[in-house]
Amino acid sequence: MVEVFLKEFAMIEGDSKVKTKMGEMHSLEYVTIRRDMTLSGKMMEAPVYLASEALLHELSRAKGKVRFWLSAEKPKEVEVEFAASLFEDLDAYVAETRMVLSELFEDK
């Protein structure tokens, strides 16, 4: 999960885009919005997107900045940039996710 705090409220819903410094533009399919409370008691809304394993690996290998363009009601698009180092230890995350999902599929 990547947390982004904006100075002004932006209703972020809909498909978005992501691009690494040297990579190509990828579309992220919007799934839903998750609402929760922060530890400081503030309301948090987080959009949830589908991302392929290949895209996650591209993000983890990126040098420098990763740029997201998030679909928002007002303004129409919010651009967010952050350091690619936030995606470190991705292999452990992918392995854990595969294990959890494989157990879900075995039940069906």
C-alpha atoms as a PDB file:
ATOM      1  CA  MET A   1       0.000   0.000   0.000  1.00  0.00           C
ATOM      2  CA  VAL A   2       1.240   3.451  -0.867  1.00  0.00           C
ATOM      3  CA  GLU A   3      -0.109   6.264   1.273  1.00  0.00           C
ATOM      4  CA  VAL A   4      -0.394   9.728  -0.204  1.00  0.00           C
ATOM      5  CA  PHE A   5      -1.536  12.706   1.831  1.00  0.00           C
ATOM      6  CA  LEU A   6      -2.749  15.710  -0.124  1.00  0.00           C
ATOM      7  CA  LYS A   7      -3.117  19.244   1.217  1.00  0.00           C
ATOM      8  CA  GLU A   8      -6.606  19.473  -0.261  1.00  0.00           C
ATOM      9  CA  PHE A   9      -9.318  16.830  -0.456  1.00  0.00           C
ATOM     10  CA  ALA A  10      -9.567  14.972  -3.769  1.00  0.00           C
ATOM     11  CA  MET A  11     -12.161  12.273  -4.459  1.00  0.00           C
ATOM     12  CA  ILE A  12      -9.972   9.682  -6.217  1.00  0.00           C
ATOM     13  CA  GLU A  13     -12.022   7.133  -8.149  1.00  0.00           C
ATOM     14  CA  GLY A  14     -11.461   5.587 -11.559  1.00  0.00           C
ATOM     15  CA  ASP A  15      -8.606   4.099 -13.519  1.00  0.00           C
ATOM     16  CA  SER A  16      -5.162   5.680 -13.134  1.00  0.00           C
ATOM     17  CA  LYS A  17      -1.750   5.593 -14.799  1.00  0.00           C
ATOM     18  CA  VAL A  18       1.781   4.932 -13.545  1.00  0.00           C
ATOM     19  CA  LYS A  19       5.187   5.490 -15.155  1.00  0.00           C
ATOM     20  CA  THR A  20       8.731   4.930 -13.982  1.00  0.00           C
ATOM     21  CA  LYS A  21      11.490   7.275 -15.110  1.00  0.00           C
ATOM     22  CA  MET A  22      12.730   5.001 -17.915  1.00  0.00           C
ATOM     23  CA  GLY A  23       9.648   2.786 -18.292  1.00  0.00           C
ATOM     24  CA  GLU A  24       6.473   2.932 -20.278  1.00  0.00           C
ATOM     25  CA  MET A  25       3.069   4.220 -19.162  1.00  0.00           C
ATOM     26  CA  HIS A  26       0.838   1.562 -17.543  1.00  0.00           C
ATOM     27  CA  SER A  27      -2.885   1.733 -16.827  1.00  0.00           C
ATOM     28  CA  LEU A  28      -4.148   0.675 -13.417  1.00  0.00           C
ATOM     29  CA  GLU A  29      -7.697  -0.673 -13.264  1.00  0.00           C
ATOM     30  CA  TYR A  30      -9.709   0.846 -10.404  1.00  0.00           C
ATOM     31  CA  VAL A  31     -11.409  -1.782  -8.208  1.00  0.00           C
ATOM     32  CA  THR A  32     -12.916  -0.012  -5.199  1.00  0.00           C
ATOM     33  CA  ILE A  33     -12.310   2.563  -2.481  1.00  0.00           C
ATOM     34  CA  ARG A  34     -11.361   1.581   1.053  1.00  0.00           C
ATOM     35  CA  ARG A  35     -12.289   3.831   3.935  1.00  0.00           C
ATOM     36  CA  ASP A  36     -10.574   3.656   7.313  1.00  0.00           C
ATOM     37  CA  MET A  37      -9.488   5.800  10.241  1.00  0.00           C
ATOM     38  CA  THR A  38      -5.882   6.871  10.765  1.00  0.00           C
ATOM     39  CA  LEU A  39      -4.217   6.553  14.173  1.00  0.00           C
ATOM     40  CA  SER A  40      -4.750  10.295  14.645  1.00  0.00           C
ATOM     41  CA  GLY A  41      -8.519   9.836  14.143  1.00  0.00           C
ATOM     42  CA  LYS A  42      -8.733  11.270  10.625  1.00  0.00           C
ATOM     43  CA  MET A  43     -10.808   9.701   7.863  1.00  0.00           C
ATOM     44  CA  MET A  44      -8.712   8.046   5.156  1.00  0.00           C
ATOM     45  CA  GLU A  45      -9.919   6.973   1.719  1.00  0.00           C
ATOM     46  CA  ALA A  46      -7.654   4.739  -0.342  1.00  0.00           C
ATOM     47  CA  PRO A  47      -8.389   3.674  -3.919  1.00  0.00           C
ATOM     48  CA  VAL A  48      -7.571   0.039  -4.691  1.00  0.00           C
ATOM     49  CA  TYR A  49      -6.132  -0.889  -8.108  1.00  0.00           C
ATOM     50  CA  LEU A  50      -5.232  -4.113  -9.905  1.00  0.00           C
ATOM     51  CA  ALA A  51      -1.528  -4.336 -10.721  1.00  0.00           C
ATOM     52  CA  SER A  52       0.269  -7.153 -12.506  1.00  0.00           C
ATOM     53  CA  GLU A  53       3.265  -8.859 -10.944  1.00  0.00           C
ATOM     54  CA  ALA A  54       5.362  -7.620 -13.874  1.00  0.00           C
ATOM     55  CA  LEU A  55       4.412  -4.017 -13.103  1.00  0.00           C
ATOM     56  CA  LEU A  56       5.244  -4.474  -9.417  1.00  0.00           C
ATOM     57  CA  HIS A  57       8.693  -5.777 -10.375  1.00  0.00           C
ATOM     58  CA  GLU A  58       9.208  -2.830 -12.735  1.00  0.00           C
ATOM     59  CA  LEU A  59       8.379  -0.476  -9.866  1.00  0.00           C
ATOM     60  CA  SER A  60      10.833  -2.241  -7.556  1.00  0.00           C
ATOM     61  CA  ARG A  61      13.637  -2.027 -10.150  1.00  0.00           C
ATOM     62  CA  ALA A  62      12.983   1.632 -10.956  1.00  0.00           C
ATOM     63  CA  LYS A  63      15.795   4.026 -10.210  1.00  0.00           C
ATOM     64  CA  GLY A  64      14.711   7.476  -9.109  1.00  0.00           C
ATOM     65  CA  LYS A  65      11.082   8.538  -9.117  1.00  0.00           C
ATOM     66  CA  VAL A  66       7.812   6.790  -9.874  1.00  0.00           C
ATOM     67  CA  ARG A  67       4.932   8.937 -11.083  1.00  0.00           C
ATOM     68  CA  PHE A  68       1.232   8.142 -10.631  1.00  0.00           C
ATOM     69  CA  TRP A  69      -1.632  10.027 -12.276  1.00  0.00           C
ATOM     70  CA  LEU A  70      -4.706   9.363 -10.156  1.00  0.00           C
ATOM     71  CA  SER A  71      -8.215   9.972 -11.475  1.00  0.00           C
ATOM     72  CA  ALA A  72      -9.955  12.534  -9.316  1.00  0.00           C
ATOM     73  CA  GLU A  73     -13.265  14.359  -9.434  1.00  0.00           C
ATOM     74  CA  LYS A  74     -11.778  17.836  -8.802  1.00  0.00           C
ATOM     75  CA  PRO A  75      -9.162  18.440 -10.069  1.00  0.00           C
ATOM     76  CA  LYS A  76      -9.660  15.911 -12.869  1.00  0.00           C
ATOM     77  CA  GLU A  77      -6.240  14.335 -12.329  1.00  0.00           C
ATOM     78  CA  VAL A  78      -3.816  14.332  -9.388  1.00  0.00           C
ATOM     79  CA  GLU A  79      -0.127  13.737 -10.111  1.00  0.00           C
ATOM     80  CA  VAL A  80       1.868  12.048  -7.353  1.00  0.00           C
ATOM     81  CA  GLU A  81       5.635  11.427  -7.457  1.00  0.00           C
ATOM     82  CA  PHE A  82       7.711   9.466  -4.943  1.00  0.00           C
ATOM     83  CA  ALA A  83      10.966   7.562  -4.610  1.00  0.00           C
ATOM     84  CA  ALA A  84      11.071   4.053  -6.076  1.00  0.00           C
ATOM     85  CA  SER A  85      12.853   2.814  -2.935  1.00  0.00           C
ATOM     86  CA  LEU A  86       9.394   2.537  -1.330  1.00  0.00           C
ATOM     87  CA  PHE A  87       8.978  -0.689  -3.312  1.00  0.00           C
ATOM     88  CA  GLU A  88      11.942  -2.485  -1.693  1.00  0.00           C
ATOM     89  CA  ASP A  89      11.514  -6.078  -0.486  1.00  0.00           C
ATOM     90  CA  LEU A  90       8.885  -6.687  -3.154  1.00  0.00           C
ATOM     91  CA  ASP A  91       9.912 -10.319  -3.673  1.00  0.00           C
ATOM     92  CA  ALA A  92       8.829 -11.188  -0.114  1.00  0.00           C
ATOM     93  CA  TYR A  93       5.486  -9.429  -0.692  1.00  0.00           C
ATOM     94  CA  VAL A  94       4.869 -11.311  -3.963  1.00  0.00           C
ATOM     95  CA  ALA A  95       5.774 -14.668  -2.344  1.00  0.00           C
ATOM     96  CA  GLU A  96       3.412 -14.030   0.586  1.00  0.00           C
ATOM     97  CA  THR A  97       0.605 -12.927  -1.744  1.00  0.00           C
ATOM     98  CA  ARG A  98       1.022 -16.046  -3.893  1.00  0.00           C
ATOM     99  CA  MET A  99       0.854 -18.232  -0.786  1.00  0.00           C
ATOM    100  CA  VAL A 100      -2.329 -16.538   0.501  1.00  0.00           C
ATOM    101  CA  LEU A 101      -4.040 -16.577  -2.897  1.00  0.00           C
ATOM    102  CA  SER A 102      -3.118 -20.205  -3.588  1.00  0.00           C
ATOM    103  CA  GLU A 103      -4.827 -21.194  -0.332  1.00  0.00           C
ATOM    104  CA  LEU A 104      -7.955 -19.277  -1.383  1.00  0.00           C
ATOM    105  CA  PHE A 105      -8.060 -21.041  -4.751  1.00  0.00           C
ATOM    106  CA  GLU A 106      -7.551 -24.471  -3.138  1.00  0.00           C
ATOM    107  CA  ASP A 107     -10.721 -23.975  -1.077  1.00  0.00           C
ATOM    108  CA  LYS A 108     -12.854 -23.577  -4.219  1.00  0.00           C
END
